[in-house]
Amino acid sequence: MATTEEVKKLAALARIKISEAELGKFTSEFDAILAYVGQLEKLDLPKSGKEKPPLRNVMREDGEPHTTGAYTQKLAEQFPTRSGDALSVKQIISHD
């Protein structure tokens, strides 16, 4: 069972402020979380690396691609600011 001191240390590490009134609630919730995670110890997993399941990629079927530029004009028309063929955006990062 988790102690209130352990929960205080955990809260300090996570930079979370917990009032004394909330401390009991968080202690019981922490115990419930630990009990749930403790169920992983019951799993029967292979002990050696030789018994790994085979890896495989899941890929979609290639279909007929759309024609080049089919959606470019529609997207460009919806953009608020343009500079020739380029779409302009407000600068949000400065190099001061």
N, C-alpha and C. Protein backbone atom coordinates (compact mmCIF):
# COMPACT_ATOMS: atom_id res chain seq x y z
N MET A 1 0.85 -1.18 0.00
CA MET A 1 0.00 0.00 0.00
C MET A 1 0.88 1.24 0.00
N ALA A 2 0.52 2.19 -0.82
CA ALA A 2 1.27 3.44 -0.93
C ALA A 2 1.01 4.31 0.30
N THR A 3 2.04 5.01 0.71
CA THR A 3 1.91 5.92 1.84
C THR A 3 1.69 7.34 1.32
N THR A 4 1.23 8.19 2.20
CA THR A 4 1.02 9.58 1.80
C THR A 4 2.35 10.25 1.47
N GLU A 5 3.42 9.85 2.13
CA GLU A 5 4.74 10.41 1.83
C GLU A 5 5.17 10.04 0.41
N GLU A 6 4.91 8.80 -0.01
CA GLU A 6 5.25 8.38 -1.37
C GLU A 6 4.46 9.17 -2.41
N VAL A 7 3.19 9.42 -2.11
CA VAL A 7 2.35 10.19 -3.02
C VAL A 7 2.84 11.64 -3.09
N LYS A 8 3.26 12.19 -1.95
CA LYS A 8 3.81 13.55 -1.94
C LYS A 8 5.08 13.62 -2.79
N LYS A 9 5.94 12.60 -2.69
CA LYS A 9 7.17 12.58 -3.48
C LYS A 9 6.85 12.46 -4.97
N LEU A 10 5.89 11.61 -5.29
CA LEU A 10 5.49 11.43 -6.68
C LEU A 10 4.90 12.73 -7.24
N ALA A 11 4.09 13.40 -6.45
CA ALA A 11 3.50 14.67 -6.88
C ALA A 11 4.59 15.72 -7.09
N ALA A 12 5.59 15.73 -6.22
CA ALA A 12 6.69 16.68 -6.38
C ALA A 12 7.48 16.39 -7.65
N LEU A 13 7.71 15.11 -7.95
CA LEU A 13 8.42 14.75 -9.17
C LEU A 13 7.64 15.16 -10.42
N ALA A 14 6.32 15.02 -10.35
CA ALA A 14 5.45 15.37 -11.48
C ALA A 14 5.10 16.85 -11.49
N ARG A 15 5.59 17.57 -10.47
CA ARG A 15 5.31 19.01 -10.33
C ARG A 15 3.82 19.29 -10.27
N ILE A 16 3.15 18.49 -9.44
CA ILE A 16 1.71 18.64 -9.23
C ILE A 16 1.50 19.05 -7.79
N LYS A 17 0.68 20.07 -7.57
CA LYS A 17 0.36 20.49 -6.21
C LYS A 17 -0.86 19.73 -5.74
N ILE A 18 -0.72 19.05 -4.61
CA ILE A 18 -1.82 18.28 -4.02
C ILE A 18 -2.06 18.84 -2.63
N SER A 19 -3.29 19.21 -2.36
CA SER A 19 -3.63 19.71 -1.03
C SER A 19 -3.73 18.54 -0.06
N GLU A 20 -3.69 18.85 1.21
CA GLU A 20 -3.81 17.81 2.24
C GLU A 20 -5.17 17.12 2.15
N ALA A 21 -6.20 17.87 1.74
CA ALA A 21 -7.55 17.29 1.61
C ALA A 21 -7.59 16.26 0.48
N GLU A 22 -6.81 16.48 -0.58
CA GLU A 22 -6.81 15.57 -1.73
C GLU A 22 -5.85 14.40 -1.55
N LEU A 23 -4.97 14.48 -0.57
CA LEU A 23 -3.92 13.49 -0.40
C LEU A 23 -4.47 12.07 -0.20
N GLY A 24 -5.49 11.92 0.60
CA GLY A 24 -6.08 10.59 0.83
C GLY A 24 -6.68 10.01 -0.43
N LYS A 25 -7.37 10.86 -1.20
CA LYS A 25 -7.98 10.41 -2.45
C LYS A 25 -6.90 9.94 -3.42
N PHE A 26 -5.83 10.73 -3.57
CA PHE A 26 -4.78 10.36 -4.51
C PHE A 26 -4.02 9.12 -4.04
N THR A 27 -3.89 8.94 -2.74
CA THR A 27 -3.22 7.74 -2.22
C THR A 27 -4.00 6.49 -2.59
N SER A 28 -5.32 6.53 -2.44
CA SER A 28 -6.12 5.36 -2.79
C SER A 28 -6.13 5.14 -4.30
N GLU A 29 -6.17 6.22 -5.09
CA GLU A 29 -6.12 6.07 -6.55
C GLU A 29 -4.78 5.50 -6.99
N PHE A 30 -3.70 5.93 -6.34
CA PHE A 30 -2.38 5.42 -6.67
C PHE A 30 -2.30 3.93 -6.37
N ASP A 31 -2.88 3.51 -5.26
CA ASP A 31 -2.92 2.08 -4.93
C ASP A 31 -3.69 1.30 -5.99
N ALA A 32 -4.81 1.85 -6.46
CA ALA A 32 -5.60 1.18 -7.49
C ALA A 32 -4.81 1.06 -8.80
N ILE A 33 -4.07 2.10 -9.14
CA ILE A 33 -3.25 2.07 -10.36
C ILE A 33 -2.17 1.01 -10.24
N LEU A 34 -1.50 0.98 -9.10
CA LEU A 34 -0.44 -0.02 -8.89
C LEU A 34 -0.99 -1.43 -8.94
N ALA A 35 -2.19 -1.64 -8.39
CA ALA A 35 -2.81 -2.96 -8.42
C ALA A 35 -3.13 -3.36 -9.86
N TYR A 36 -3.62 -2.41 -10.64
CA TYR A 36 -3.95 -2.70 -12.03
C TYR A 36 -2.69 -3.05 -12.82
N VAL A 37 -1.64 -2.25 -12.66
CA VAL A 37 -0.39 -2.51 -13.36
C VAL A 37 0.23 -3.82 -12.86
N GLY A 38 0.01 -4.16 -11.60
CA GLY A 38 0.53 -5.40 -11.04
C GLY A 38 -0.02 -6.64 -11.73
N GLN A 39 -1.13 -6.48 -12.42
CA GLN A 39 -1.70 -7.62 -13.15
C GLN A 39 -0.79 -8.06 -14.29
N LEU A 40 0.08 -7.19 -14.74
CA LEU A 40 1.02 -7.55 -15.80
C LEU A 40 1.97 -8.66 -15.37
N GLU A 41 2.24 -8.73 -14.08
CA GLU A 41 3.12 -9.79 -13.58
C GLU A 41 2.51 -11.17 -13.77
N LYS A 42 1.20 -11.24 -13.91
CA LYS A 42 0.52 -12.52 -14.07
C LYS A 42 0.56 -13.04 -15.51
N LEU A 43 0.95 -12.18 -16.43
CA LEU A 43 0.99 -12.60 -17.83
C LEU A 43 2.08 -13.63 -18.07
N ASP A 44 1.78 -14.59 -18.92
CA ASP A 44 2.74 -15.62 -19.26
C ASP A 44 3.44 -15.20 -20.55
N LEU A 45 4.57 -14.51 -20.39
CA LEU A 45 5.32 -14.02 -21.54
C LEU A 45 6.56 -14.86 -21.75
N PRO A 46 7.02 -14.97 -22.99
CA PRO A 46 8.25 -15.74 -23.24
C PRO A 46 9.44 -15.07 -22.53
N LYS A 47 10.29 -15.90 -21.94
CA LYS A 47 11.43 -15.39 -21.18
C LYS A 47 12.62 -15.07 -22.06
N SER A 48 12.78 -15.76 -23.18
CA SER A 48 13.94 -15.52 -24.03
C SER A 48 13.53 -14.69 -25.23
N GLY A 49 14.50 -14.07 -25.86
CA GLY A 49 14.24 -13.27 -27.04
C GLY A 49 14.01 -14.10 -28.28
N LYS A 50 14.22 -15.41 -28.20
CA LYS A 50 14.09 -16.28 -29.37
C LYS A 50 12.63 -16.55 -29.74
N GLU A 51 11.72 -16.32 -28.82
CA GLU A 51 10.32 -16.68 -29.04
C GLU A 51 9.47 -15.47 -29.44
N LYS A 52 10.06 -14.47 -30.06
CA LYS A 52 9.31 -13.29 -30.46
C LYS A 52 8.38 -13.63 -31.62
N PRO A 53 7.21 -13.01 -31.63
CA PRO A 53 6.31 -13.24 -32.77
C PRO A 53 6.89 -12.59 -34.02
N PRO A 54 6.57 -13.12 -35.18
CA PRO A 54 7.11 -12.54 -36.41
C PRO A 54 6.56 -11.13 -36.63
N LEU A 55 7.40 -10.25 -37.13
CA LEU A 55 6.98 -8.89 -37.44
C LEU A 55 6.48 -8.83 -38.86
N ARG A 56 5.50 -8.00 -39.07
CA ARG A 56 4.99 -7.83 -40.42
C ARG A 56 4.46 -6.41 -40.57
N ASN A 57 4.55 -5.90 -41.76
CA ASN A 57 4.02 -4.58 -42.07
C ASN A 57 2.59 -4.72 -42.57
N VAL A 58 1.77 -3.79 -42.18
CA VAL A 58 0.40 -3.76 -42.66
C VAL A 58 0.32 -2.60 -43.64
N MET A 59 0.15 -2.91 -44.89
CA MET A 59 0.14 -1.88 -45.93
C MET A 59 -1.20 -1.91 -46.64
N ARG A 60 -1.59 -0.75 -47.08
CA ARG A 60 -2.83 -0.69 -47.87
C ARG A 60 -2.51 -1.09 -49.30
N GLU A 61 -3.52 -1.52 -49.99
CA GLU A 61 -3.36 -1.87 -51.40
C GLU A 61 -3.18 -0.59 -52.21
N ASP A 62 -2.26 -0.60 -53.14
CA ASP A 62 -2.09 0.54 -54.02
C ASP A 62 -3.24 0.59 -54.99
N GLY A 63 -3.83 1.74 -55.09
CA GLY A 63 -4.92 1.93 -56.02
C GLY A 63 -4.49 2.89 -57.10
N GLU A 64 -5.45 3.39 -57.81
CA GLU A 64 -5.15 4.38 -58.85
C GLU A 64 -4.94 5.73 -58.16
N PRO A 65 -3.75 6.31 -58.30
CA PRO A 65 -3.53 7.62 -57.67
C PRO A 65 -4.29 8.72 -58.42
N HIS A 66 -4.61 9.79 -57.71
CA HIS A 66 -5.28 10.90 -58.38
C HIS A 66 -4.25 11.63 -59.25
N THR A 67 -4.74 12.39 -60.18
CA THR A 67 -3.85 13.09 -61.09
C THR A 67 -3.10 14.19 -60.34
N THR A 68 -1.88 14.47 -60.75
CA THR A 68 -1.06 15.48 -60.11
C THR A 68 -1.73 16.83 -60.20
N GLY A 69 -1.82 17.51 -59.07
CA GLY A 69 -2.38 18.86 -59.04
C GLY A 69 -3.89 18.91 -59.02
N ALA A 70 -4.55 17.77 -58.88
CA ALA A 70 -6.01 17.75 -58.93
C ALA A 70 -6.62 18.56 -57.78
N TYR A 71 -6.00 18.58 -56.63
CA TYR A 71 -6.55 19.28 -55.47
C TYR A 71 -5.78 20.55 -55.14
N THR A 72 -4.69 20.81 -55.85
CA THR A 72 -3.85 21.96 -55.53
C THR A 72 -4.60 23.27 -55.68
N GLN A 73 -5.27 23.46 -56.76
CA GLN A 73 -5.98 24.72 -57.01
C GLN A 73 -7.08 24.94 -55.98
N LYS A 74 -7.83 23.89 -55.64
CA LYS A 74 -8.90 24.03 -54.65
C LYS A 74 -8.33 24.43 -53.29
N LEU A 75 -7.22 23.84 -52.90
CA LEU A 75 -6.60 24.19 -51.63
C LEU A 75 -6.05 25.62 -51.66
N ALA A 76 -5.40 25.98 -52.74
CA ALA A 76 -4.81 27.31 -52.85
C ALA A 76 -5.88 28.39 -52.82
N GLU A 77 -7.04 28.15 -53.39
CA GLU A 77 -8.12 29.13 -53.40
C GLU A 77 -8.65 29.40 -51.99
N GLN A 78 -8.55 28.43 -51.11
CA GLN A 78 -9.06 28.58 -49.75
C GLN A 78 -8.06 29.25 -48.82
N PHE A 79 -6.81 29.42 -49.26
CA PHE A 79 -5.78 29.99 -48.41
C PHE A 79 -5.92 31.51 -48.38
N PRO A 80 -5.81 32.15 -47.22
CA PRO A 80 -6.08 33.58 -47.14
C PRO A 80 -5.03 34.48 -47.82
N THR A 81 -3.76 34.13 -47.75
CA THR A 81 -2.72 35.00 -48.29
C THR A 81 -1.83 34.23 -49.24
N ARG A 82 -1.60 34.84 -50.42
CA ARG A 82 -0.76 34.20 -51.42
C ARG A 82 0.30 35.19 -51.89
N SER A 83 1.43 34.65 -52.28
CA SER A 83 2.49 35.44 -52.88
C SER A 83 2.89 34.72 -54.16
N GLY A 84 2.25 35.09 -55.25
CA GLY A 84 2.45 34.37 -56.50
C GLY A 84 1.85 32.98 -56.38
N ASP A 85 2.65 31.97 -56.66
CA ASP A 85 2.18 30.59 -56.52
C ASP A 85 2.42 30.04 -55.12
N ALA A 86 3.06 30.83 -54.26
CA ALA A 86 3.37 30.37 -52.90
C ALA A 86 2.28 30.83 -51.94
N LEU A 87 2.02 30.01 -50.95
CA LEU A 87 1.06 30.34 -49.91
C LEU A 87 1.83 30.98 -48.76
N SER A 88 1.40 32.14 -48.29
CA SER A 88 2.11 32.85 -47.23
C SER A 88 1.46 32.59 -45.88
N VAL A 89 2.30 32.46 -44.86
CA VAL A 89 1.82 32.27 -43.50
C VAL A 89 2.50 33.30 -42.60
N LYS A 90 1.87 33.57 -41.48
CA LYS A 90 2.42 34.50 -40.51
C LYS A 90 3.64 33.88 -39.84
N GLN A 91 4.71 34.65 -39.66
CA GLN A 91 5.91 34.14 -39.01
C GLN A 91 5.63 33.98 -37.52
N ILE A 92 5.91 32.80 -36.99
CA ILE A 92 5.67 32.56 -35.56
C ILE A 92 6.96 32.30 -34.81
N ILE A 93 8.05 32.08 -35.53
CA ILE A 93 9.35 31.84 -34.91
C ILE A 93 10.30 32.91 -35.40
N SER A 94 10.96 33.58 -34.46
CA SER A 94 11.93 34.60 -34.85
C SER A 94 13.32 34.16 -34.43
N HIS A 95 14.31 34.71 -35.08
CA HIS A 95 15.71 34.35 -34.81
C HIS A 95 16.42 35.53 -34.19
N ASP A 96 15.86 36.10 -33.14
CA ASP A 96 16.48 37.26 -32.45
C ASP A 96 17.60 36.83 -31.54
